[in-house]
Amino acid sequence: MIGIGKRTLALGSAAALLAAGGAVAAAESVQAASTTPTCRAGDLYPAVGSPQEAAGSFLYPVVFTNTATRSCALRGYPGVSVLTAGHAMIGAPAARNGVPVSTVVLTPAGTATATIRTNDPGVVPSCRTTSTYLGVYPPASTQQKLVPFHLRVCGVFEVSPVQST
């Protein structure tokens, strides 16, 4: 017979309970996300935060705030374009960066963030005209939200899926 100490047995049992609890919490989170209605564009306020520098790139957070009085869910990539003062698109919209998507449940006043990436003009000299606005389409929406923002896209122009903040 193999002798297992009481402490080893207790630690093993505790680890199993924690793992089971994590699995239950994950399942409850998935269930809550599947029963929560999708956020409507009219219930979201998009804003662009301060850039961060990263290895020859600039990363700009696009923060979506739920302005509704009910929870809603976002899943996937937003559409992002740079626009002139007359709302004409400057070049192609941001490409998706290929990161896997997840569902984010936003409580009232809750936020989720997607990230725009473009190159530093010192690294890639081919740049577009600086925008006056960003045209932002929340995930699963065909309604564009205009965000006043001056962005100079150089080289890469990509966006990540929304994530919890």
Protein backbone atom coordinates (compact mmCIF):
# COMPACT_ATOMS: atom_id res chain seq x y z
CA MET A 1 0.00 0.00 0.00
CA ILE A 2 1.31 3.46 -0.89
CA GLY A 3 1.51 5.80 2.05
CA ILE A 4 0.11 9.26 1.34
CA GLY A 5 0.52 11.78 4.07
CA LYS A 6 -2.50 13.67 5.36
CA ARG A 7 -0.95 16.98 4.28
CA THR A 8 -0.33 15.71 0.72
CA LEU A 9 -3.86 14.39 0.53
CA ALA A 10 -5.28 17.68 1.84
CA LEU A 11 -3.24 19.73 -0.64
CA GLY A 12 -4.30 17.49 -3.50
CA SER A 13 -7.95 17.77 -2.47
CA ALA A 14 -7.69 21.55 -2.17
CA ALA A 15 -6.13 21.81 -5.63
CA ALA A 16 -8.89 19.65 -7.11
CA LEU A 17 -11.57 21.81 -5.46
CA LEU A 18 -9.93 25.00 -6.73
CA ALA A 19 -9.74 23.59 -10.26
CA ALA A 20 -13.38 22.54 -10.12
CA GLY A 21 -14.36 25.98 -8.77
CA GLY A 22 -12.47 27.68 -11.61
CA ALA A 23 -14.22 25.49 -14.15
CA VAL A 24 -17.60 26.32 -12.62
CA ALA A 25 -16.81 30.05 -12.61
CA ALA A 26 -15.70 29.86 -16.26
CA ALA A 27 -18.88 27.98 -17.21
CA GLU A 28 -21.02 30.56 -15.36
CA SER A 29 -19.18 33.37 -17.17
CA VAL A 30 -19.82 31.74 -20.57
CA GLN A 31 -23.48 31.22 -19.66
CA ALA A 32 -23.86 34.87 -18.57
CA ALA A 33 -22.24 36.04 -21.82
CA SER A 34 -24.54 33.86 -23.94
CA THR A 35 -27.71 35.22 -22.28
CA THR A 36 -26.60 38.88 -22.27
CA PRO A 37 -27.83 40.91 -25.28
CA THR A 38 -25.28 42.27 -27.72
CA CYS A 39 -24.33 45.91 -27.12
CA ARG A 40 -26.02 48.32 -29.51
CA ALA A 41 -23.90 51.06 -31.05
CA GLY A 42 -26.19 53.68 -29.49
CA ASP A 43 -25.40 52.31 -26.03
CA LEU A 44 -21.63 52.61 -26.47
CA TYR A 45 -19.36 55.60 -26.12
CA PRO A 46 -16.01 55.05 -27.88
CA ALA A 47 -12.97 57.12 -26.94
CA VAL A 48 -9.27 56.89 -27.78
CA GLY A 49 -6.73 56.89 -24.97
CA SER A 50 -3.11 57.98 -24.84
CA PRO A 51 -0.68 56.07 -27.04
CA GLN A 52 2.01 53.73 -25.78
CA GLU A 53 5.25 53.13 -27.64
CA ALA A 54 6.20 49.53 -28.36
CA ALA A 55 9.15 48.41 -30.52
CA GLY A 56 8.77 50.92 -33.37
CA SER A 57 4.98 51.06 -33.06
CA PHE A 58 2.36 53.15 -31.35
CA LEU A 59 -0.54 51.43 -29.58
CA TYR A 60 -3.75 53.40 -29.11
CA PRO A 61 -6.49 52.02 -26.83
CA VAL A 62 -10.05 52.40 -28.11
CA VAL A 63 -12.23 52.26 -25.01
CA PHE A 64 -15.91 51.34 -25.35
CA THR A 65 -18.06 52.46 -22.39
CA ASN A 66 -21.55 51.05 -21.88
CA THR A 67 -23.85 54.07 -21.42
CA ALA A 68 -27.01 51.94 -21.12
CA THR A 69 -28.79 51.01 -17.91
CA ARG A 70 -28.49 47.28 -18.67
CA SER A 71 -25.56 44.93 -19.22
CA CYS A 72 -24.60 44.05 -22.76
CA ALA A 73 -21.98 41.90 -24.49
CA LEU A 74 -19.29 42.65 -27.07
CA ARG A 75 -17.49 39.98 -29.06
CA GLY A 76 -14.98 40.36 -31.85
CA TYR A 77 -13.20 43.12 -33.68
CA PRO A 78 -14.34 46.71 -34.08
CA GLY A 79 -14.05 48.35 -37.48
CA VAL A 80 -11.70 51.34 -37.45
CA SER A 81 -10.99 53.84 -40.23
CA VAL A 82 -9.13 57.14 -40.35
CA LEU A 83 -11.28 59.95 -41.77
CA THR A 84 -10.88 63.47 -43.11
CA ALA A 85 -12.80 66.48 -41.76
CA GLY A 86 -15.46 65.69 -44.39
CA HIS A 87 -15.65 62.05 -43.16
CA ALA A 88 -13.96 60.58 -46.25
CA MET A 89 -11.83 57.52 -45.55
CA ILE A 90 -8.05 57.92 -45.76
CA GLY A 91 -6.76 54.61 -47.11
CA ALA A 92 -8.00 51.17 -46.09
CA PRO A 93 -9.56 50.43 -42.69
CA ALA A 94 -7.53 48.75 -39.95
CA ALA A 95 -6.82 45.06 -40.53
CA ARG A 96 -7.63 42.48 -37.87
CA ASN A 97 -4.49 41.31 -36.05
CA GLY A 98 -5.57 37.65 -35.81
CA VAL A 99 -5.83 37.44 -32.01
CA PRO A 100 -8.60 35.04 -30.84
CA VAL A 101 -11.82 36.71 -29.74
CA SER A 102 -13.77 36.32 -26.51
CA THR A 103 -17.05 37.71 -25.25
CA VAL A 104 -16.86 40.66 -22.86
CA VAL A 105 -19.90 41.48 -20.72
CA LEU A 106 -20.19 45.18 -19.93
CA THR A 107 -22.20 46.24 -16.92
CA PRO A 108 -23.65 49.78 -17.00
CA ALA A 109 -20.65 52.16 -17.16
CA GLY A 110 -18.38 49.14 -17.77
CA THR A 111 -15.62 49.28 -20.37
CA ALA A 112 -13.87 47.09 -22.91
CA THR A 113 -10.80 47.99 -24.95
CA ALA A 114 -9.52 47.24 -28.44
CA THR A 115 -6.05 48.38 -29.47
CA ILE A 116 -5.00 50.10 -32.69
CA ARG A 117 -1.40 49.64 -33.81
CA THR A 118 0.54 51.65 -36.36
CA ASN A 119 4.26 52.20 -36.93
CA ASP A 120 6.35 55.08 -35.69
CA PRO A 121 6.97 57.48 -38.63
CA GLY A 122 10.69 57.33 -37.81
CA VAL A 123 10.64 53.60 -38.58
CA VAL A 124 8.33 53.56 -41.61
CA PRO A 125 8.38 56.77 -43.66
CA SER A 126 5.29 55.92 -45.77
CA CYS A 127 2.46 57.64 -43.89
CA ARG A 128 -1.09 58.66 -44.68
CA THR A 129 -2.51 62.12 -44.17
CA THR A 130 -3.32 62.79 -40.51
CA SER A 131 -6.97 62.11 -39.70
CA THR A 132 -9.51 64.47 -38.19
CA TYR A 133 -11.76 61.63 -37.02
CA LEU A 134 -11.73 57.92 -36.45
CA GLY A 135 -14.73 56.05 -37.76
CA VAL A 136 -15.39 53.27 -35.25
CA TYR A 137 -17.84 50.42 -35.76
CA PRO A 138 -18.42 48.47 -32.55
CA PRO A 139 -18.21 44.68 -33.01
CA ALA A 140 -21.39 43.25 -34.62
CA SER A 141 -22.60 46.74 -35.59
CA THR A 142 -23.10 48.49 -38.91
CA GLN A 143 -23.46 51.91 -37.24
CA GLN A 144 -20.36 54.08 -37.34
CA LYS A 145 -19.45 56.27 -34.38
CA LEU A 146 -17.28 59.31 -35.11
CA VAL A 147 -14.46 59.97 -32.65
CA PRO A 148 -12.58 63.27 -33.07
CA PHE A 149 -8.95 62.16 -33.14
CA HIS A 150 -5.79 63.09 -35.05
CA LEU A 151 -4.04 59.87 -36.05
CA ARG A 152 -1.22 59.54 -38.56
CA VAL A 153 -1.12 55.99 -39.86
CA CYS A 154 2.34 54.87 -40.97
CA GLY A 155 2.96 51.38 -42.36
CA VAL A 156 0.90 48.85 -40.37
CA PHE A 157 -2.67 49.72 -39.41
CA GLU A 158 -4.31 46.97 -37.40
CA VAL A 159 -6.80 46.48 -34.59
CA SER A 160 -7.20 43.87 -31.85
CA PRO A 161 -10.49 42.35 -30.69
CA VAL A 162 -12.24 43.89 -27.69
CA GLN A 163 -10.99 42.67 -24.33
CA SER A 164 -11.90 43.27 -20.69
CA THR A 165 -10.26 46.30 -19.12
